[in-house]
Amino acid sequence: MMFERLADENVGYLTTTGRKSREPHEIEIWFGIRDGTLYLLSGGGESADWVKNVRKDPRVRMRINSQGAALKARFLRAGSTEDTAARELLDEKYMGWRKGKKLSSWARGALPVAIDL
């Protein structure tokens, strides 16, 4: 996968389509990649603009460095194995979480979103 080698980069850029304007809306965002899936956590949960945009239109563009691709986002089922794995992956990358420790309040409270690569 084109993004796999960029997994250690600090930030990516997610472009959604504005749910009202229909215009492209790009944000800088933390991400994690595991097993061909890119994961994002919305610290603002459902209230984040980008989440509202993805709910309306799951087609997104993800860019890391100069690599970009048109992809499709999906929401994870709360409490699923993948939901837990996404939270742990991002908490480990950005907050120093380790197995056996409690997840940060950010990782516990955020809304995970997956983008299959």
PDB file of N, CA and C in Angstrom:
ATOM      1  N   MET A   1       0.834  -1.196   0.000  1.00  0.00           N
ATOM      2  CA  MET A   1       0.000   0.000   0.000  1.00  0.00           C
ATOM      3  C   MET A   1       0.876   1.256   0.000  1.00  0.00           C
ATOM      4  N   MET A   2       0.426   2.248  -0.685  1.00  0.00           N
ATOM      5  CA  MET A   2       1.235   3.459  -0.822  1.00  0.00           C
ATOM      6  C   MET A   2       1.453   4.180   0.504  1.00  0.00           C
ATOM      7  N   PHE A   3       0.496   4.106   1.412  1.00  0.00           N
ATOM      8  CA  PHE A   3       0.619   4.855   2.670  1.00  0.00           C
ATOM      9  C   PHE A   3       1.384   4.101   3.758  1.00  0.00           C
ATOM     10  N   GLU A   4       1.502   2.778   3.619  1.00  0.00           N
ATOM     11  CA  GLU A   4       2.120   1.972   4.681  1.00  0.00           C
ATOM     12  C   GLU A   4       3.494   2.510   5.098  1.00  0.00           C
ATOM     13  N   ARG A   5       4.315   2.903   4.119  1.00  0.00           N
ATOM     14  CA  ARG A   5       5.663   3.386   4.444  1.00  0.00           C
ATOM     15  C   ARG A   5       5.643   4.775   5.076  1.00  0.00           C
ATOM     16  N   LEU A   6       4.488   5.428   5.056  1.00  0.00           N
ATOM     17  CA  LEU A   6       4.350   6.763   5.646  1.00  0.00           C
ATOM     18  C   LEU A   6       3.687   6.714   7.022  1.00  0.00           C
ATOM     19  N   ALA A   7       3.518   5.525   7.566  1.00  0.00           N
ATOM     20  CA  ALA A   7       2.789   5.347   8.836  1.00  0.00           C
ATOM     21  C   ALA A   7       3.412   6.127   9.993  1.00  0.00           C
ATOM     22  N   ASP A   8       4.725   6.376   9.929  1.00  0.00           N
ATOM     23  CA  ASP A   8       5.391   7.083  11.027  1.00  0.00           C
ATOM     24  C   ASP A   8       5.329   8.599  10.893  1.00  0.00           C
ATOM     25  N   GLU A   9       4.809   9.102   9.789  1.00  0.00           N
ATOM     26  CA  GLU A   9       4.658  10.557   9.642  1.00  0.00           C
ATOM     27  C   GLU A   9       3.745  11.077  10.746  1.00  0.00           C
ATOM     28  N   ASN A  10       3.937  12.335  11.132  1.00  0.00           N
ATOM     29  CA  ASN A  10       3.191  12.879  12.262  1.00  0.00           C
ATOM     30  C   ASN A  10       1.749  13.243  11.938  1.00  0.00           C
ATOM     31  N   VAL A  11       1.527  13.814  10.753  1.00  0.00           N
ATOM     32  CA  VAL A  11       0.166  14.234  10.400  1.00  0.00           C
ATOM     33  C   VAL A  11      -0.168  13.882   8.953  1.00  0.00           C
ATOM     34  N   GLY A  12      -1.465  13.795   8.701  1.00  0.00           N
ATOM     35  CA  GLY A  12      -1.966  13.619   7.358  1.00  0.00           C
ATOM     36  C   GLY A  12      -2.987  14.717   7.096  1.00  0.00           C
ATOM     37  N   TYR A  13      -3.475  14.765   5.881  1.00  0.00           N
ATOM     38  CA  TYR A  13      -4.452  15.781   5.495  1.00  0.00           C
ATOM     39  C   TYR A  13      -5.672  15.087   4.911  1.00  0.00           C
ATOM     40  N   LEU A  14      -6.797  15.300   5.569  1.00  0.00           N
ATOM     41  CA  LEU A  14      -8.059  14.686   5.175  1.00  0.00           C
ATOM     42  C   LEU A  14      -8.921  15.739   4.491  1.00  0.00           C
ATOM     43  N   THR A  15      -9.380  15.411   3.289  1.00  0.00           N
ATOM     44  CA  THR A  15     -10.295  16.312   2.585  1.00  0.00           C
ATOM     45  C   THR A  15     -11.659  15.649   2.499  1.00  0.00           C
ATOM     46  N   THR A  16     -12.659  16.350   3.017  1.00  0.00           N
ATOM     47  CA  THR A  16     -14.046  15.890   2.939  1.00  0.00           C
ATOM     48  C   THR A  16     -14.802  16.867   2.045  1.00  0.00           C
ATOM     49  N   THR A  17     -16.013  16.491   1.690  1.00  0.00           N
ATOM     50  CA  THR A  17     -16.883  17.389   0.928  1.00  0.00           C
ATOM     51  C   THR A  17     -17.841  18.050   1.903  1.00  0.00           C
ATOM     52  N   GLY A  18     -17.869  19.368   1.900  1.00  0.00           N
ATOM     53  CA  GLY A  18     -18.745  20.102   2.810  1.00  0.00           C
ATOM     54  C   GLY A  18     -20.193  19.658   2.656  1.00  0.00           C
ATOM     55  N   ARG A  19     -20.837  19.338   3.773  1.00  0.00           N
ATOM     56  CA  ARG A  19     -22.197  18.794   3.707  1.00  0.00           C
ATOM     57  C   ARG A  19     -23.216  19.814   3.218  1.00  0.00           C
ATOM     58  N   LYS A  20     -22.920  21.108   3.394  1.00  0.00           N
ATOM     59  CA  LYS A  20     -23.825  22.156   2.908  1.00  0.00           C
ATOM     60  C   LYS A  20     -23.255  22.818   1.655  1.00  0.00           C
ATOM     61  N   SER A  21     -21.972  23.197   1.720  1.00  0.00           N
ATOM     62  CA  SER A  21     -21.349  23.938   0.602  1.00  0.00           C
ATOM     63  C   SER A  21     -21.011  23.044  -0.588  1.00  0.00           C
ATOM     64  N   ARG A  22     -20.803  21.741  -0.324  1.00  0.00           N
ATOM     65  CA  ARG A  22     -20.333  20.779  -1.334  1.00  0.00           C
ATOM     66  C   ARG A  22     -18.925  21.118  -1.821  1.00  0.00           C
ATOM     67  N   GLU A  23     -18.246  22.005  -1.095  1.00  0.00           N
ATOM     68  CA  GLU A  23     -16.867  22.388  -1.428  1.00  0.00           C
ATOM     69  C   GLU A  23     -15.885  21.483  -0.677  1.00  0.00           C
ATOM     70  N   PRO A  24     -14.674  21.262  -1.218  1.00  0.00           N
ATOM     71  CA  PRO A  24     -13.660  20.476  -0.508  1.00  0.00           C
ATOM     72  C   PRO A  24     -13.259  21.187   0.783  1.00  0.00           C
ATOM     73  N   HIS A  25     -13.060  20.406   1.832  1.00  0.00           N
ATOM     74  CA  HIS A  25     -12.687  20.949   3.144  1.00  0.00           C
ATOM     75  C   HIS A  25     -11.535  20.095   3.670  1.00  0.00           C
ATOM     76  N   GLU A  26     -10.337  20.692   3.763  1.00  0.00           N
ATOM     77  CA  GLU A  26      -9.149  19.939   4.190  1.00  0.00           C
ATOM     78  C   GLU A  26      -8.766  20.285   5.614  1.00  0.00           C
ATOM     79  N   ILE A  27      -8.438  19.243   6.391  1.00  0.00           N
ATOM     80  CA  ILE A  27      -7.934  19.447   7.753  1.00  0.00           C
ATOM     81  C   ILE A  27      -6.639  18.656   7.935  1.00  0.00           C
ATOM     82  N   GLU A  28      -5.829  19.115   8.864  1.00  0.00           N
ATOM     83  CA  GLU A  28      -4.643  18.374   9.280  1.00  0.00           C
ATOM     84  C   GLU A  28      -5.095  17.468  10.418  1.00  0.00           C
ATOM     85  N   ILE A  29      -4.669  16.200  10.391  1.00  0.00           N
ATOM     86  CA  ILE A  29      -5.179  15.263  11.384  1.00  0.00           C
ATOM     87  C   ILE A  29      -4.142  14.195  11.718  1.00  0.00           C
ATOM     88  N   TRP A  30      -4.186  13.731  12.957  1.00  0.00           N
ATOM     89  CA  TRP A  30      -3.367  12.595  13.381  1.00  0.00           C
ATOM     90  C   TRP A  30      -3.981  11.331  12.802  1.00  0.00           C
ATOM     91  N   PHE A  31      -3.138  10.341  12.543  1.00  0.00           N
ATOM     92  CA  PHE A  31      -3.608   9.088  11.948  1.00  0.00           C
ATOM     93  C   PHE A  31      -2.731   7.935  12.385  1.00  0.00           C
ATOM     94  N   GLY A  32      -3.248   6.740  12.200  1.00  0.00           N
ATOM     95  CA  GLY A  32      -2.479   5.519  12.410  1.00  0.00           C
ATOM     96  C   GLY A  32      -2.813   4.565  11.278  1.00  0.00           C
ATOM     97  N   ILE A  33      -1.854   3.716  10.924  1.00  0.00           N
ATOM     98  CA  ILE A  33      -2.083   2.740   9.858  1.00  0.00           C
ATOM     99  C   ILE A  33      -1.723   1.354  10.385  1.00  0.00           C
ATOM    100  N   ARG A  34      -2.629   0.410  10.157  1.00  0.00           N
ATOM    101  CA  ARG A  34      -2.363  -0.984  10.522  1.00  0.00           C
ATOM    102  C   ARG A  34      -3.139  -1.893   9.576  1.00  0.00           C
ATOM    103  N   ASP A  35      -2.453  -2.893   9.048  1.00  0.00           N
ATOM    104  CA  ASP A  35      -3.076  -3.937   8.224  1.00  0.00           C
ATOM    105  C   ASP A  35      -3.949  -3.382   7.097  1.00  0.00           C
ATOM    106  N   GLY A  36      -3.419  -2.413   6.358  1.00  0.00           N
ATOM    107  CA  GLY A  36      -4.125  -1.906   5.198  1.00  0.00           C
ATOM    108  C   GLY A  36      -5.290  -0.978   5.488  1.00  0.00           C
ATOM    109  N   THR A  37      -5.378  -0.519   6.738  1.00  0.00           N
ATOM    110  CA  THR A  37      -6.436   0.418   7.112  1.00  0.00           C
ATOM    111  C   THR A  37      -5.820   1.618   7.809  1.00  0.00           C
ATOM    112  N   LEU A  38      -6.296   2.788   7.443  1.00  0.00           N
ATOM    113  CA  LEU A  38      -5.865   4.031   8.076  1.00  0.00           C
ATOM    114  C   LEU A  38      -6.957   4.429   9.067  1.00  0.00           C
ATOM    115  N   TYR A  39      -6.545   4.764  10.284  1.00  0.00           N
ATOM    116  CA  TYR A  39      -7.494   5.121  11.335  1.00  0.00           C
ATOM    117  C   TYR A  39      -7.320   6.574  11.760  1.00  0.00           C
ATOM    118  N   LEU A  40      -8.443   7.210  12.051  1.00  0.00           N
ATOM    119  CA  LEU A  40      -8.491   8.578  12.557  1.00  0.00           C
ATOM    120  C   LEU A  40      -9.322   8.570  13.832  1.00  0.00           C
ATOM    121  N   LEU A  41      -9.035   9.496  14.725  1.00  0.00           N
ATOM    122  CA  LEU A  41      -9.875   9.673  15.913  1.00  0.00           C
ATOM    123  C   LEU A  41     -10.371  11.109  15.927  1.00  0.00           C
ATOM    124  N   SER A  42     -11.667  11.283  16.065  1.00  0.00           N
ATOM    125  CA  SER A  42     -12.245  12.622  16.191  1.00  0.00           C
ATOM    126  C   SER A  42     -12.385  12.950  17.670  1.00  0.00           C
ATOM    127  N   GLY A  43     -11.495  13.827  18.148  1.00  0.00           N
ATOM    128  CA  GLY A  43     -11.579  14.261  19.547  1.00  0.00           C
ATOM    129  C   GLY A  43     -12.878  14.987  19.828  1.00  0.00           C
ATOM    130  N   GLY A  44     -13.454  15.592  18.807  1.00  0.00           N
ATOM    131  CA  GLY A  44     -14.729  16.295  18.949  1.00  0.00           C
ATOM    132  C   GLY A  44     -15.934  15.390  18.743  1.00  0.00           C
ATOM    133  N   GLY A  45     -15.670  14.096  18.561  1.00  0.00           N
ATOM    134  CA  GLY A  45     -16.753  13.139  18.364  1.00  0.00           C
ATOM    135  C   GLY A  45     -17.623  13.506  17.176  1.00  0.00           C
ATOM    136  N   GLU A  46     -18.930  13.325  17.345  1.00  0.00           N
ATOM    137  CA  GLU A  46     -19.894  13.587  16.274  1.00  0.00           C
ATOM    138  C   GLU A  46     -20.011  15.070  15.937  1.00  0.00           C
ATOM    139  N   SER A  47     -19.545  15.954  16.831  1.00  0.00           N
ATOM    140  CA  SER A  47     -19.716  17.395  16.587  1.00  0.00           C
ATOM    141  C   SER A  47     -18.660  17.976  15.642  1.00  0.00           C
ATOM    142  N   ALA A  48     -17.590  17.218  15.360  1.00  0.00           N
ATOM    143  CA  ALA A  48     -16.547  17.711  14.454  1.00  0.00           C
ATOM    144  C   ALA A  48     -17.109  17.870  13.041  1.00  0.00           C
ATOM    145  N   ASP A  49     -16.788  18.986  12.404  1.00  0.00           N
ATOM    146  CA  ASP A  49     -17.264  19.239  11.040  1.00  0.00           C
ATOM    147  C   ASP A  49     -16.901  18.113  10.087  1.00  0.00           C
ATOM    148  N   TRP A  50     -15.670  17.631  10.182  1.00  0.00           N
ATOM    149  CA  TRP A  50     -15.254  16.596   9.232  1.00  0.00           C
ATOM    150  C   TRP A  50     -16.062  15.317   9.416  1.00  0.00           C
ATOM    151  N   VAL A  51     -16.444  15.017  10.656  1.00  0.00           N
ATOM    152  CA  VAL A  51     -17.268  13.827  10.917  1.00  0.00           C
ATOM    153  C   VAL A  51     -18.660  14.018  10.304  1.00  0.00           C
ATOM    154  N   LYS A  52     -19.236  15.199  10.507  1.00  0.00           N
ATOM    155  CA  LYS A  52     -20.555  15.493   9.921  1.00  0.00           C
ATOM    156  C   LYS A  52     -20.488  15.384   8.397  1.00  0.00           C
ATOM    157  N   ASN A  53     -19.384  15.862   7.815  1.00  0.00           N
ATOM    158  CA  ASN A  53     -19.213  15.774   6.363  1.00  0.00           C
ATOM    159  C   ASN A  53     -19.131  14.320   5.896  1.00  0.00           C
ATOM    160  N   VAL A  54     -18.382  13.501   6.625  1.00  0.00           N
ATOM    161  CA  VAL A  54     -18.224  12.090   6.261  1.00  0.00           C
ATOM    162  C   VAL A  54     -19.552  11.341   6.435  1.00  0.00           C
ATOM    163  N   ARG A  55     -20.326  11.706   7.427  1.00  0.00           N
ATOM    164  CA  ARG A  55     -21.654  11.077   7.602  1.00  0.00           C
ATOM    165  C   ARG A  55     -22.524  11.334   6.366  1.00  0.00           C
ATOM    166  N   LYS A  56     -22.396  12.520   5.794  1.00  0.00           N
ATOM    167  CA  LYS A  56     -23.194  12.899   4.616  1.00  0.00           C
ATOM    168  C   LYS A  56     -22.626  12.280   3.333  1.00  0.00           C
ATOM    169  N   ASP A  57     -21.298  12.234   3.227  1.00  0.00           N
ATOM    170  CA  ASP A  57     -20.629  11.702   2.027  1.00  0.00           C
ATOM    171  C   ASP A  57     -19.313  11.051   2.456  1.00  0.00           C
ATOM    172  N   PRO A  58     -19.255   9.705   2.473  1.00  0.00           N
ATOM    173  CA  PRO A  58     -18.055   9.013   2.970  1.00  0.00           C
ATOM    174  C   PRO A  58     -16.853   9.063   2.033  1.00  0.00           C
ATOM    175  N   ARG A  59     -17.022   9.639   0.849  1.00  0.00           N
ATOM    176  CA  ARG A  59     -15.875   9.733  -0.068  1.00  0.00           C
ATOM    177  C   ARG A  59     -14.937  10.826   0.433  1.00  0.00           C
ATOM    178  N   VAL A  60     -13.688  10.455   0.652  1.00  0.00           N
ATOM    179  CA  VAL A  60     -12.697  11.387   1.188  1.00  0.00           C
ATOM    180  C   VAL A  60     -11.425  11.310   0.347  1.00  0.00           C
ATOM    181  N   ARG A  61     -10.543  12.263   0.591  1.00  0.00           N
ATOM    182  CA  ARG A  61      -9.201  12.222   0.014  1.00  0.00           C
ATOM    183  C   ARG A  61      -8.240  12.296   1.195  1.00  0.00           C
ATOM    184  N   MET A  62      -7.260  11.409   1.203  1.00  0.00           N
ATOM    185  CA  MET A  62      -6.259  11.419   2.263  1.00  0.00           C
ATOM    186  C   MET A  62      -4.915  11.686   1.623  1.00  0.00           C
ATOM    187  N   ARG A  63      -4.158  12.595   2.248  1.00  0.00           N
ATOM    188  CA  ARG A  63      -2.821  12.919   1.752  1.00  0.00           C
ATOM    189  C   ARG A  63      -1.845  12.858   2.914  1.00  0.00           C
ATOM    190  N   ILE A  64      -0.743  12.162   2.664  1.00  0.00           N
ATOM    191  CA  ILE A  64       0.362  12.116   3.624  1.00  0.00           C
ATOM    192  C   ILE A  64       1.603  12.465   2.817  1.00  0.00           C
ATOM    193  N   ASN A  65       2.289  13.536   3.229  1.00  0.00           N
ATOM    194  CA  ASN A  65       3.382  14.087   2.423  1.00  0.00           C
ATOM    195  C   ASN A  65       2.844  14.363   1.023  1.00  0.00           C
ATOM    196  N   SER A  66       3.503  13.825   0.000  1.00  0.00           N
ATOM    197  CA  SER A  66       3.049  14.092  -1.369  1.00  0.00           C
ATOM    198  C   SER A  66       2.154  12.983  -1.911  1.00  0.00           C
ATOM    199  N   GLN A  67       1.919  11.955  -1.095  1.00  0.00           N
ATOM    200  CA  GLN A  67       1.078  10.838  -1.538  1.00  0.00           C
ATOM    201  C   GLN A  67      -0.386  11.125  -1.200  1.00  0.00           C
ATOM    202  N   GLY A  68      -1.264  11.009  -2.176  1.00  0.00           N
ATOM    203  CA  GLY A  68      -2.682  11.225  -1.938  1.00  0.00           C
ATOM    204  C   GLY A  68      -3.522  10.204  -2.668  1.00  0.00           C
ATOM    205  N   ALA A  69      -4.714   9.963  -2.150  1.00  0.00           N
ATOM    206  CA  ALA A  69      -5.619   9.010  -2.793  1.00  0.00           C
ATOM    207  C   ALA A  69      -7.060   9.322  -2.419  1.00  0.00           C
ATOM    208  N   ALA A  70      -7.951   9.034  -3.361  1.00  0.00           N
ATOM    209  CA  ALA A  70      -9.388   9.131  -3.098  1.00  0.00           C
ATOM    210  C   ALA A  70      -9.816   7.812  -2.479  1.00  0.00           C
ATOM    211  N   LEU A  71     -10.463   7.876  -1.346  1.00  0.00           N
ATOM    212  CA  LEU A  71     -10.815   6.684  -0.577  1.00  0.00           C
ATOM    213  C   LEU A  71     -12.218   6.835  -0.005  1.00  0.00           C
ATOM    214  N   LYS A  72     -12.630   5.856   0.782  1.00  0.00           N
ATOM    215  CA  LYS A  72     -13.959   5.896   1.391  1.00  0.00           C
ATOM    216  C   LYS A  72     -13.816   5.626   2.893  1.00  0.00           C
ATOM    217  N   ALA A  73     -14.403   6.494   3.699  1.00  0.00           N
ATOM    218  CA  ALA A  73     -14.329   6.352   5.158  1.00  0.00           C
ATOM    219  C   ALA A  73     -15.528   5.556   5.667  1.00  0.00           C
ATOM    220  N   ARG A  74     -15.332   4.927   6.813  1.00  0.00           N
ATOM    221  CA  ARG A  74     -16.432   4.211   7.463  1.00  0.00           C
ATOM    222  C   ARG A  74     -16.294   4.371   8.972  1.00  0.00           C
ATOM    223  N   PHE A  75     -17.426   4.271   9.642  1.00  0.00           N
ATOM    224  CA  PHE A  75     -17.442   4.404  11.095  1.00  0.00           C
ATOM    225  C   PHE A  75     -17.392   3.013  11.712  1.00  0.00           C
ATOM    226  N   LEU A  76     -16.682   2.906  12.833  1.00  0.00           N
ATOM    227  CA  LEU A  76     -16.527   1.617  13.497  1.00  0.00           C
ATOM    228  C   LEU A  76     -17.641   1.403  14.520  1.00  0.00           C
ATOM    229  N   ARG A  77     -18.004   0.141  14.696  1.00  0.00           N
ATOM    230  CA  ARG A  77     -19.015  -0.195  15.686  1.00  0.00           C
ATOM    231  C   ARG A  77     -18.388  -0.040  17.072  1.00  0.00           C
ATOM    232  N   ALA A  78     -19.042   0.735  17.910  1.00  0.00           N
ATOM    233  CA  ALA A  78     -18.533   0.993  19.267  1.00  0.00           C
ATOM    234  C   ALA A  78     -18.327  -0.328  20.000  1.00  0.00           C
ATOM    235  N   GLY A  79     -17.162  -0.447  20.624  1.00  0.00           N
ATOM    236  CA  GLY A  79     -16.862  -1.635  21.409  1.00  0.00           C
ATOM    237  C   GLY A  79     -16.358  -2.817  20.604  1.00  0.00           C
ATOM    238  N   SER A  80     -16.296  -2.671  19.277  1.00  0.00           N
ATOM    239  CA  SER A  80     -15.799  -3.773  18.441  1.00  0.00           C
ATOM    240  C   SER A  80     -14.287  -3.919  18.624  1.00  0.00           C
ATOM    241  N   THR A  81     -13.765  -5.044  18.190  1.00  0.00           N
ATOM    242  CA  THR A  81     -12.318  -5.284  18.246  1.00  0.00           C
ATOM    243  C   THR A  81     -11.575  -4.207  17.467  1.00  0.00           C
ATOM    244  N   GLU A  82     -12.101  -3.855  16.295  1.00  0.00           N
ATOM    245  CA  GLU A  82     -11.451  -2.844  15.462  1.00  0.00           C
ATOM    246  C   GLU A  82     -11.501  -1.464  16.124  1.00  0.00           C
ATOM    247  N   ASP A  83     -12.599  -1.148  16.788  1.00  0.00           N
ATOM    248  CA  ASP A  83     -12.747   0.115  17.527  1.00  0.00           C
ATOM    249  C   ASP A  83     -11.652   0.216  18.586  1.00  0.00           C
ATOM    250  N   THR A  84     -11.486  -0.834  19.368  1.00  0.00           N
ATOM    251  CA  THR A  84     -10.464  -0.864  20.421  1.00  0.00           C
ATOM    252  C   THR A  84      -9.065  -0.752  19.826  1.00  0.00           C
ATOM    253  N   ALA A  85      -8.809  -1.489  18.748  1.00  0.00           N
ATOM    254  CA  ALA A  85      -7.490  -1.481  18.101  1.00  0.00           C
ATOM    255  C   ALA A  85      -7.147  -0.094  17.569  1.00  0.00           C
ATOM    256  N   ALA A  86      -8.139   0.606  16.996  1.00  0.00           N
ATOM    257  CA  ALA A  86      -7.912   1.954  16.467  1.00  0.00           C
ATOM    258  C   ALA A  86      -7.527   2.912  17.595  1.00  0.00           C
ATOM    259  N   ARG A  87      -8.245   2.843  18.701  1.00  0.00           N
ATOM    260  CA  ARG A  87      -7.964   3.710  19.854  1.00  0.00           C
ATOM    261  C   ARG A  87      -6.562   3.444  20.401  1.00  0.00           C
ATOM    262  N   GLU A  88      -6.207   2.170  20.539  1.00  0.00           N
ATOM    263  CA  GLU A  88      -4.889   1.803  21.063  1.00  0.00           C
ATOM    264  C   GLU A  88      -3.780   2.249  20.113  1.00  0.00           C
ATOM    265  N   LEU A  89      -3.985   2.052  18.806  1.00  0.00           N
ATOM    266  CA  LEU A  89      -2.982   2.417  17.799  1.00  0.00           C
ATOM    267  C   LEU A  89      -2.649   3.909  17.863  1.00  0.00           C
ATOM    268  N   LEU A  90      -3.670   4.752  17.866  1.00  0.00           N
ATOM    269  CA  LEU A  90      -3.432   6.195  17.882  1.00  0.00           C
ATOM    270  C   LEU A  90      -2.944   6.684  19.239  1.00  0.00           C
ATOM    271  N   ASP A  91      -3.434   6.087  20.316  1.00  0.00           N
ATOM    272  CA  ASP A  91      -2.988   6.493  21.646  1.00  0.00           C
ATOM    273  C   ASP A  91      -1.514   6.133  21.845  1.00  0.00           C
ATOM    274  N   GLU A  92      -1.111   4.982  21.305  1.00  0.00           N
ATOM    275  CA  GLU A  92       0.294   4.577  21.388  1.00  0.00           C
ATOM    276  C   GLU A  92       1.172   5.531  20.588  1.00  0.00           C
ATOM    277  N   LYS A  93       0.742   5.874  19.381  1.00  0.00           N
ATOM    278  CA  LYS A  93       1.538   6.730  18.504  1.00  0.00           C
ATOM    279  C   LYS A  93       1.687   8.143  19.059  1.00  0.00           C
ATOM    280  N   TYR A  94       0.605   8.718  19.579  1.00  0.00           N
ATOM    281  CA  TYR A  94       0.630  10.131  19.968  1.00  0.00           C
ATOM    282  C   TYR A  94       0.689  10.406  21.464  1.00  0.00           C
ATOM    283  N   MET A  95       0.272   9.457  22.286  1.00  0.00           N
ATOM    284  CA  MET A  95       0.213   9.706  23.733  1.00  0.00           C
ATOM    285  C   MET A  95       1.088   8.763  24.555  1.00  0.00           C
ATOM    286  N   GLY A  96       1.799   7.857  23.866  1.00  0.00           N
ATOM    287  CA  GLY A  96       2.704   6.961  24.581  1.00  0.00           C
ATOM    288  C   GLY A  96       2.037   5.811  25.306  1.00  0.00           C
ATOM    289  N   TRP A  97       0.804   5.465  24.920  1.00  0.00           N
ATOM    290  CA  TRP A  97       0.103   4.352  25.550  1.00  0.00           C
ATOM    291  C   TRP A  97       0.884   3.056  25.350  1.00  0.00           C
ATOM    292  N   ARG A  98       0.844   2.196  26.361  1.00  0.00           N
ATOM    293  CA  ARG A  98       1.437   0.865  26.269  1.00  0.00           C
ATOM    294  C   ARG A  98       0.442  -0.150  26.805  1.00  0.00           C
ATOM    295  N   LYS A  99       0.529  -1.389  26.288  1.00  0.00           N
ATOM    296  CA  LYS A  99      -0.360  -2.467  26.733  1.00  0.00           C
ATOM    297  C   LYS A  99      -0.341  -2.553  28.257  1.00  0.00           C
ATOM    298  N   GLY A 100      -1.510  -2.703  28.842  1.00  0.00           N
ATOM    299  CA  GLY A 100      -1.601  -2.786  30.298  1.00  0.00           C
ATOM    300  C   GLY A 100      -1.900  -1.440  30.947  1.00  0.00           C
ATOM    301  N   LYS A 101      -1.689  -0.356  30.205  1.00  0.00           N
ATOM    302  CA  LYS A 101      -1.996   0.975  30.721  1.00  0.00           C
ATOM    303  C   LYS A 101      -3.411   1.365  30.314  1.00  0.00           C
ATOM    304  N   LYS A 102      -3.951   2.360  31.003  1.00  0.00           N
ATOM    305  CA  LYS A 102      -5.261   2.886  30.648  1.00  0.00           C
ATOM    306  C   LYS A 102      -5.097   3.848  29.469  1.00  0.00           C
ATOM    307  N   LEU A 103      -6.049   3.798  28.541  1.00  0.00           N
ATOM    308  CA  LEU A 103      -6.012   4.734  27.415  1.00  0.00           C
ATOM    309  C   LEU A 103      -6.173   6.166  27.921  1.00  0.00           C
ATOM    310  N   SER A 104      -5.608   7.119  27.187  1.00  0.00           N
ATOM    311  CA  SER A 104      -5.773   8.531  27.535  1.00  0.00           C
ATOM    312  C   SER A 104      -7.252   8.911  27.415  1.00  0.00           C
ATOM    313  N   SER A 105      -7.632   9.991  28.056  1.00  0.00           N
ATOM    314  CA  SER A 105      -9.029  10.435  27.964  1.00  0.00           C
ATOM    315  C   SER A 105      -9.375  10.776  26.513  1.00  0.00           C
ATOM    316  N   TRP A 106      -8.404  11.291  25.765  1.00  0.00           N
ATOM    317  CA  TRP A 106      -8.614  11.589  24.341  1.00  0.00           C
ATOM    318  C   TRP A 106      -8.996  10.316  23.582  1.00  0.00           C
ATOM    319  N   ALA A 107      -8.207   9.274  23.746  1.00  0.00           N
ATOM    320  CA  ALA A 107      -8.459   8.027  23.013  1.00  0.00           C
ATOM    321  C   ALA A 107      -9.750   7.353  23.475  1.00  0.00           C
ATOM    322  N   ARG A 108     -10.049   7.439  24.748  1.00  0.00           N
ATOM    323  CA  ARG A 108     -11.286   6.831  25.266  1.00  0.00           C
ATOM    324  C   ARG A 108     -12.521   7.563  24.755  1.00  0.00           C
ATOM    325  N   GLY A 109     -12.439   8.893  24.672  1.00  0.00           N
ATOM    326  CA  GLY A 109     -13.612   9.683  24.332  1.00  0.00           C
ATOM    327  C   GLY A 109     -13.799   9.994  22.860  1.00  0.00           C
ATOM    328  N   ALA A 110     -12.777   9.748  22.056  1.00  0.00           N
ATOM    329  CA  ALA A 110     -12.831  10.115  20.632  1.00  0.00           C
ATOM    330  C   ALA A 110     -13.687   9.134  19.825  1.00  0.00           C
ATOM    331  N   LEU A 111     -14.061   9.567  18.647  1.00  0.00           N
ATOM    332  CA  LEU A 111     -14.842   8.743  17.716  1.00  0.00           C
ATOM    333  C   LEU A 111     -13.894   8.205  16.652  1.00  0.00           C
ATOM    334  N   PRO A 112     -13.706   6.882  16.570  1.00  0.00           N
ATOM    335  CA  PRO A 112     -12.808   6.323  15.562  1.00  0.00           C
ATOM    336  C   PRO A 112     -13.455   6.208  14.186  1.00  0.00           C
ATOM    337  N   VAL A 113     -12.656   6.500  13.169  1.00  0.00           N
ATOM    338  CA  VAL A 113     -13.100   6.388  11.771  1.00  0.00           C
ATOM    339  C   VAL A 113     -12.025   5.605  11.028  1.00  0.00           C
ATOM    340  N   ALA A 114     -12.456   4.688  10.153  1.00  0.00           N
ATOM    341  CA  ALA A 114     -11.520   3.869   9.387  1.00  0.00           C
ATOM    342  C   ALA A 114     -11.602   4.226   7.912  1.00  0.00           C
ATOM    343  N   ILE A 115     -10.443   4.133   7.245  1.00  0.00           N
ATOM    344  CA  ILE A 115     -10.372   4.319   5.803  1.00  0.00           C
ATOM    345  C   ILE A 115      -9.568   3.139   5.267  1.00  0.00           C
ATOM    346  N   ASP A 116     -10.237   2.262   4.548  1.00  0.00           N
ATOM    347  CA  ASP A 116      -9.540   1.097   3.993  1.00  0.00           C
ATOM    348  C   ASP A 116      -8.685   1.530   2.811  1.00  0.00           C
ATOM    349  N   LEU A 117      -7.414   1.126   2.850  1.00  0.00           N
ATOM    350  CA  LEU A 117      -6.463   1.566   1.818  1.00  0.00           C
ATOM    351  C   LEU A 117      -6.433   0.572   0.652  1.00  0.00           C
TER     352      LEU A 117
END
